[in-house]
């Protein structure tokens, strides 16, 4: 009997490791075709980006803007660096999240 291995696409749980409450998740505008694990603009924090927790649907993705732990091990380091509003690196992204209780963990992919 032959078996084939399948790779499943990432889901929210691959990126969102903990959140105080799912009630604070928000739908924000995103470009058509935006995929889960992509940084998107969060309009209530000018110049700050958050990680999309869903694929784009009807021009929107879901983000968690407060009190959560985000795992970046499936995100490209270039995307992390580009998302940081200051410093252009992981430390800058962590500083962006600190005031809102967002903790970024994991090593981004090279």
N, C-alpha and C. Protein backbone atom coordinates (compact mmCIF):
# COMPACT_ATOMS: atom_id res chain seq x y z
N UNK A 1 0.84 -1.16 0.00
CA UNK A 1 0.00 0.00 0.00
C UNK A 1 0.90 1.24 0.00
N UNK A 2 0.64 2.13 -0.91
CA UNK A 2 1.42 3.35 -1.04
C UNK A 2 0.74 4.48 -0.27
N UNK A 3 1.52 5.22 0.48
CA UNK A 3 0.99 6.38 1.19
C UNK A 3 1.71 7.62 0.69
N UNK A 4 1.04 8.72 0.77
CA UNK A 4 1.66 9.98 0.38
C UNK A 4 1.60 10.94 1.56
N UNK A 5 2.67 11.64 1.75
CA UNK A 5 2.70 12.64 2.80
C UNK A 5 2.14 13.94 2.29
N UNK A 6 1.33 14.56 3.08
CA UNK A 6 0.77 15.85 2.70
C UNK A 6 1.22 16.90 3.69
N UNK A 7 1.51 18.06 3.18
CA UNK A 7 1.87 19.17 4.04
C UNK A 7 0.66 20.07 4.14
N UNK A 8 0.18 20.24 5.35
CA UNK A 8 -0.96 21.11 5.56
C UNK A 8 -0.50 22.55 5.69
N UNK A 9 -1.29 23.45 5.22
CA UNK A 9 -0.98 24.87 5.32
C UNK A 9 -1.01 25.32 6.77
N UNK A 10 -0.26 26.37 7.10
CA UNK A 10 -0.29 26.88 8.48
C UNK A 10 -1.70 27.37 8.86
N UNK A 11 -1.99 27.26 10.13
CA UNK A 11 -3.26 27.75 10.68
C UNK A 11 -2.95 28.73 11.80
N UNK A 12 -3.96 29.38 12.30
CA UNK A 12 -3.79 30.40 13.34
C UNK A 12 -2.93 29.90 14.50
N UNK A 13 -3.14 28.67 14.93
CA UNK A 13 -2.40 28.11 16.07
C UNK A 13 -0.91 27.98 15.84
N UNK A 14 -0.46 28.00 14.59
CA UNK A 14 0.97 27.97 14.32
C UNK A 14 1.63 29.29 14.70
N UNK A 15 0.88 30.36 14.64
CA UNK A 15 1.42 31.70 14.90
C UNK A 15 0.99 32.26 16.26
N UNK A 16 -0.26 32.07 16.61
CA UNK A 16 -0.81 32.61 17.85
C UNK A 16 -0.72 31.54 18.93
N UNK A 17 0.24 31.68 19.83
CA UNK A 17 0.49 30.67 20.85
C UNK A 17 -0.32 30.89 22.12
N UNK A 18 -0.73 32.13 22.37
CA UNK A 18 -1.54 32.44 23.55
C UNK A 18 -2.17 33.80 23.33
N UNK A 19 -3.37 33.97 23.87
CA UNK A 19 -4.02 35.28 23.86
C UNK A 19 -4.89 35.39 25.10
N UNK A 20 -4.99 36.59 25.64
CA UNK A 20 -5.81 36.80 26.84
C UNK A 20 -7.27 36.50 26.54
N UNK A 21 -7.73 36.92 25.38
CA UNK A 21 -9.10 36.64 24.96
C UNK A 21 -9.22 36.78 23.45
N UNK A 22 -9.91 35.86 22.82
CA UNK A 22 -10.13 36.00 21.38
C UNK A 22 -11.13 37.11 21.04
N UNK A 23 -11.76 37.68 22.04
CA UNK A 23 -12.75 38.73 21.81
C UNK A 23 -12.12 40.03 21.30
N UNK A 24 -10.80 40.16 21.45
CA UNK A 24 -10.15 41.39 20.99
C UNK A 24 -9.58 41.25 19.59
N UNK A 25 -9.77 40.11 18.95
CA UNK A 25 -9.33 39.96 17.57
C UNK A 25 -10.10 40.94 16.69
N UNK A 26 -9.44 41.45 15.66
CA UNK A 26 -10.03 42.48 14.82
C UNK A 26 -9.80 42.14 13.35
N UNK A 27 -10.79 42.42 12.53
CA UNK A 27 -10.64 42.30 11.07
C UNK A 27 -10.12 43.63 10.54
N UNK A 28 -9.04 43.58 9.76
CA UNK A 28 -8.48 44.79 9.16
C UNK A 28 -8.34 44.58 7.65
N UNK A 29 -8.31 45.68 6.94
CA UNK A 29 -8.18 45.63 5.48
C UNK A 29 -6.83 45.04 5.10
N UNK A 30 -6.85 44.23 4.04
CA UNK A 30 -5.61 43.62 3.53
C UNK A 30 -5.71 43.51 2.01
N UNK A 31 -4.56 43.51 1.38
CA UNK A 31 -4.52 43.35 -0.07
C UNK A 31 -5.04 41.98 -0.46
N UNK A 32 -5.61 41.91 -1.63
CA UNK A 32 -6.11 40.64 -2.14
C UNK A 32 -4.97 39.62 -2.20
N UNK A 33 -5.23 38.43 -1.70
CA UNK A 33 -4.24 37.37 -1.72
C UNK A 33 -3.31 37.34 -0.52
N UNK A 34 -3.50 38.24 0.44
CA UNK A 34 -2.66 38.23 1.65
C UNK A 34 -2.83 36.89 2.36
N UNK A 35 -1.71 36.29 2.74
CA UNK A 35 -1.73 34.98 3.38
C UNK A 35 -1.48 35.08 4.88
N UNK A 36 -1.93 34.09 5.60
CA UNK A 36 -1.67 33.99 7.03
C UNK A 36 -0.15 34.08 7.25
N UNK A 37 0.26 34.76 8.30
CA UNK A 37 1.68 34.91 8.60
C UNK A 37 2.34 36.09 7.92
N UNK A 38 1.55 36.92 7.27
CA UNK A 38 2.05 38.13 6.60
C UNK A 38 1.77 39.33 7.49
N UNK A 39 2.69 40.25 7.56
CA UNK A 39 2.44 41.47 8.34
C UNK A 39 1.56 42.42 7.56
N UNK A 40 0.58 43.00 8.26
CA UNK A 40 -0.35 43.95 7.64
C UNK A 40 -0.41 45.21 8.51
N UNK A 41 -0.82 46.30 7.90
CA UNK A 41 -0.97 47.56 8.63
C UNK A 41 -2.15 47.47 9.59
N UNK A 42 -1.97 48.04 10.77
CA UNK A 42 -3.06 48.13 11.74
C UNK A 42 -3.42 49.61 11.85
N UNK A 43 -4.57 50.01 11.32
CA UNK A 43 -4.88 51.44 11.18
C UNK A 43 -4.94 52.23 12.49
N UNK A 44 -5.21 51.58 13.60
CA UNK A 44 -5.29 52.32 14.87
C UNK A 44 -3.91 52.63 15.46
N UNK A 45 -2.87 52.05 14.87
CA UNK A 45 -1.49 52.32 15.30
C UNK A 45 -0.68 52.65 14.06
N UNK A 46 -0.72 53.90 13.70
CA UNK A 46 -0.05 54.34 12.47
C UNK A 46 1.41 53.92 12.46
N UNK A 47 1.81 53.29 11.38
CA UNK A 47 3.20 52.87 11.22
C UNK A 47 3.52 51.54 11.87
N UNK A 48 2.57 50.91 12.53
CA UNK A 48 2.81 49.62 13.19
C UNK A 48 2.11 48.52 12.40
N UNK A 49 2.74 47.37 12.36
CA UNK A 49 2.18 46.24 11.64
C UNK A 49 1.91 45.09 12.60
N UNK A 50 0.90 44.29 12.25
CA UNK A 50 0.55 43.10 13.01
C UNK A 50 0.52 41.90 12.08
N UNK A 51 0.66 40.73 12.64
CA UNK A 51 0.69 39.51 11.84
C UNK A 51 -0.73 39.04 11.52
N UNK A 52 -0.99 38.78 10.25
CA UNK A 52 -2.29 38.25 9.83
C UNK A 52 -2.45 36.83 10.38
N UNK A 53 -3.57 36.57 11.01
CA UNK A 53 -3.85 35.25 11.58
C UNK A 53 -4.77 34.42 10.70
N UNK A 54 -5.18 35.00 9.58
CA UNK A 54 -6.01 34.29 8.60
C UNK A 54 -5.58 34.73 7.20
N UNK A 55 -5.98 33.97 6.23
CA UNK A 55 -5.81 34.40 4.84
C UNK A 55 -6.83 35.49 4.56
N UNK A 56 -6.52 36.32 3.58
CA UNK A 56 -7.45 37.39 3.18
C UNK A 56 -8.74 36.79 2.66
N UNK A 57 -9.83 37.34 3.13
CA UNK A 57 -11.14 36.96 2.64
C UNK A 57 -12.00 38.22 2.62
N UNK A 58 -12.57 38.52 1.48
CA UNK A 58 -13.39 39.72 1.29
C UNK A 58 -12.62 40.99 1.66
N UNK A 59 -11.32 41.01 1.37
CA UNK A 59 -10.50 42.21 1.60
C UNK A 59 -10.08 42.42 3.04
N UNK A 60 -10.22 41.39 3.90
CA UNK A 60 -9.86 41.54 5.31
C UNK A 60 -9.12 40.31 5.83
N UNK A 61 -8.30 40.53 6.86
CA UNK A 61 -7.65 39.47 7.61
C UNK A 61 -7.92 39.73 9.09
N UNK A 62 -7.73 38.72 9.90
CA UNK A 62 -7.90 38.85 11.35
C UNK A 62 -6.53 39.04 11.99
N UNK A 63 -6.44 39.98 12.94
CA UNK A 63 -5.22 40.21 13.72
C UNK A 63 -5.59 40.23 15.21
N UNK A 64 -4.59 40.02 16.05
CA UNK A 64 -4.78 40.12 17.50
C UNK A 64 -3.91 41.29 17.97
N UNK A 65 -4.50 42.44 18.28
CA UNK A 65 -3.72 43.63 18.61
C UNK A 65 -3.33 43.78 20.07
N UNK A 66 -3.74 42.86 20.94
CA UNK A 66 -3.49 43.02 22.38
C UNK A 66 -3.15 41.69 23.05
N UNK A 67 -2.30 41.75 24.06
CA UNK A 67 -2.07 40.67 25.02
C UNK A 67 -2.04 39.28 24.40
N UNK A 68 -0.97 39.01 23.66
CA UNK A 68 -0.84 37.71 23.03
C UNK A 68 0.63 37.35 22.86
N UNK A 69 0.86 36.08 22.54
CA UNK A 69 2.20 35.60 22.21
C UNK A 69 2.16 35.11 20.77
N UNK A 70 3.04 35.68 19.95
CA UNK A 70 3.12 35.35 18.54
C UNK A 70 4.43 34.61 18.28
N UNK A 71 4.35 33.46 17.63
CA UNK A 71 5.54 32.67 17.27
C UNK A 71 5.95 33.06 15.86
N UNK A 72 7.19 33.49 15.71
CA UNK A 72 7.69 33.95 14.41
C UNK A 72 8.52 32.91 13.68
N UNK A 73 8.54 31.67 14.16
CA UNK A 73 9.42 30.67 13.56
C UNK A 73 9.02 30.28 12.13
N UNK A 74 7.82 30.59 11.70
CA UNK A 74 7.40 30.32 10.32
C UNK A 74 7.41 31.57 9.44
N UNK A 75 7.90 32.68 9.99
CA UNK A 75 7.90 33.96 9.27
C UNK A 75 9.33 34.27 8.82
N UNK A 76 9.47 34.78 7.62
CA UNK A 76 10.80 35.13 7.08
C UNK A 76 11.40 36.30 7.86
N UNK A 77 12.68 36.22 8.11
CA UNK A 77 13.35 37.30 8.85
C UNK A 77 13.27 38.63 8.10
N UNK A 78 13.26 38.59 6.78
CA UNK A 78 13.14 39.83 6.01
C UNK A 78 11.78 40.49 6.25
N UNK A 79 10.73 39.68 6.41
CA UNK A 79 9.40 40.21 6.70
C UNK A 79 9.35 40.81 8.10
N UNK A 80 10.00 40.16 9.05
CA UNK A 80 10.07 40.68 10.42
C UNK A 80 10.79 42.01 10.43
N UNK A 81 11.93 42.07 9.76
CA UNK A 81 12.72 43.30 9.72
C UNK A 81 11.94 44.44 9.06
N UNK A 82 11.22 44.13 8.00
CA UNK A 82 10.44 45.15 7.30
C UNK A 82 9.25 45.63 8.14
N UNK A 83 8.73 44.77 9.01
CA UNK A 83 7.56 45.13 9.82
C UNK A 83 7.91 46.01 11.02
N UNK A 84 9.15 45.97 11.46
CA UNK A 84 9.56 46.76 12.62
C UNK A 84 9.53 48.24 12.27
N UNK A 85 8.86 49.04 13.11
CA UNK A 85 8.78 50.47 12.81
C UNK A 85 10.06 51.20 13.16
N UNK A 86 10.88 50.62 14.04
CA UNK A 86 12.17 51.21 14.37
C UNK A 86 13.21 50.11 14.42
N UNK A 87 14.42 50.44 14.03
CA UNK A 87 15.52 49.49 14.11
C UNK A 87 15.61 48.52 12.95
N UNK A 88 14.50 48.23 12.30
CA UNK A 88 14.53 47.31 11.17
C UNK A 88 14.98 45.91 11.52
N UNK A 89 14.65 45.47 12.75
CA UNK A 89 15.05 44.12 13.17
C UNK A 89 14.04 43.57 14.18
N UNK A 90 14.30 42.35 14.64
CA UNK A 90 13.40 41.69 15.58
C UNK A 90 13.25 42.49 16.87
N UNK A 91 14.32 43.07 17.35
CA UNK A 91 14.23 43.88 18.57
C UNK A 91 13.29 45.06 18.39
N UNK A 92 13.32 45.68 17.22
CA UNK A 92 12.41 46.79 16.94
C UNK A 92 10.97 46.33 16.93
N UNK A 93 10.70 45.15 16.35
CA UNK A 93 9.35 44.61 16.33
C UNK A 93 8.87 44.31 17.74
N UNK A 94 9.77 43.76 18.55
CA UNK A 94 9.40 43.47 19.95
C UNK A 94 9.05 44.76 20.69
N UNK A 95 9.80 45.82 20.45
CA UNK A 95 9.50 47.11 21.09
C UNK A 95 8.15 47.65 20.63
N UNK A 96 7.81 47.43 19.35
CA UNK A 96 6.50 47.85 18.84
C UNK A 96 5.37 47.17 19.60
N UNK A 97 5.56 45.90 19.93
CA UNK A 97 4.51 45.13 20.60
C UNK A 97 4.43 45.32 22.10
N UNK A 98 5.52 45.70 22.73
CA UNK A 98 5.57 45.82 24.19
C UNK A 98 4.43 46.63 24.81
N UNK A 99 4.15 47.84 24.33
CA UNK A 99 3.10 48.64 24.98
C UNK A 99 1.71 48.01 24.91
N UNK A 100 1.54 47.04 24.03
CA UNK A 100 0.22 46.44 23.83
C UNK A 100 0.15 45.00 24.33
N UNK A 101 1.20 44.56 25.01
CA UNK A 101 1.21 43.21 25.56
C UNK A 101 1.45 42.13 24.53
N UNK A 102 2.01 42.49 23.39
CA UNK A 102 2.31 41.50 22.36
C UNK A 102 3.75 41.04 22.54
N UNK A 103 3.91 39.73 22.72
CA UNK A 103 5.23 39.13 22.88
C UNK A 103 5.53 38.33 21.62
N UNK A 104 6.65 38.64 20.99
CA UNK A 104 7.10 37.88 19.83
C UNK A 104 8.17 36.91 20.28
N UNK A 105 8.00 35.64 19.91
CA UNK A 105 9.00 34.64 20.27
C UNK A 105 9.34 33.79 19.05
N UNK A 106 10.37 32.98 19.19
CA UNK A 106 10.79 32.14 18.08
C UNK A 106 11.78 32.85 17.19
N UNK A 107 12.54 32.08 16.46
CA UNK A 107 13.53 32.63 15.55
C UNK A 107 12.96 32.65 14.14
N UNK A 108 12.86 33.83 13.54
CA UNK A 108 12.35 33.91 12.17
C UNK A 108 13.23 33.10 11.21
N UNK A 109 12.65 32.64 10.11
CA UNK A 109 13.38 31.88 9.12
C UNK A 109 14.35 32.77 8.36
N UNK A 110 15.51 32.23 8.08
CA UNK A 110 16.53 32.98 7.35
C UNK A 110 16.16 33.18 5.90
